[in-house]
Amino acid sequence: QVQLVESGGGLVQAGGSLRLSCAASGRTFSSYGMGWFRQAPGKEREFVSAISWSGLRTQYADSVKGRFTISRDNDRNTVFLQMNSLKTEDTAVYYCAADSSGGLLVVHTRPSEYEYWGQGTQVTVSS
């Protein structure tokens, strides 16, 4: 069992930056692939970024490529999402998720591939 707690969301002006954190409980965090998803009002949950358990592979949605960076610190059981050059369309609730089925270089992009989810953190980007 893994419990995930996101933090770092808030209100920021367009062009600004935020850094989201996702703290995981459990001793096997380092064996989990991790992902970030977001959901805006009236829209489906969408993939943002993912990182393999090894940290050797990352993947990004086209909409955030070049602006967001995912990273992990397995010693601190934490995954991060650095978000730069934020746009109003980035406004959403951001969720982190954990998946135990991945391999060294495996990342997953579909919500159904993740077993554990955090409660989400709100990111609001104003114009």
Foldseek 3Di string as FASTA:
>chain_A
DKAKAKDWADEEAAQAKIKMKIAIDDDCLLQKKKFKWWDDPPGDIFGAKIAHSQRPEMDGDPVQPPFWDWGDDSVRRMIMIIGGRDDQVVWTWMKMFIANPDDNHDIDTDPVRTDYIYPTDTHGYHD
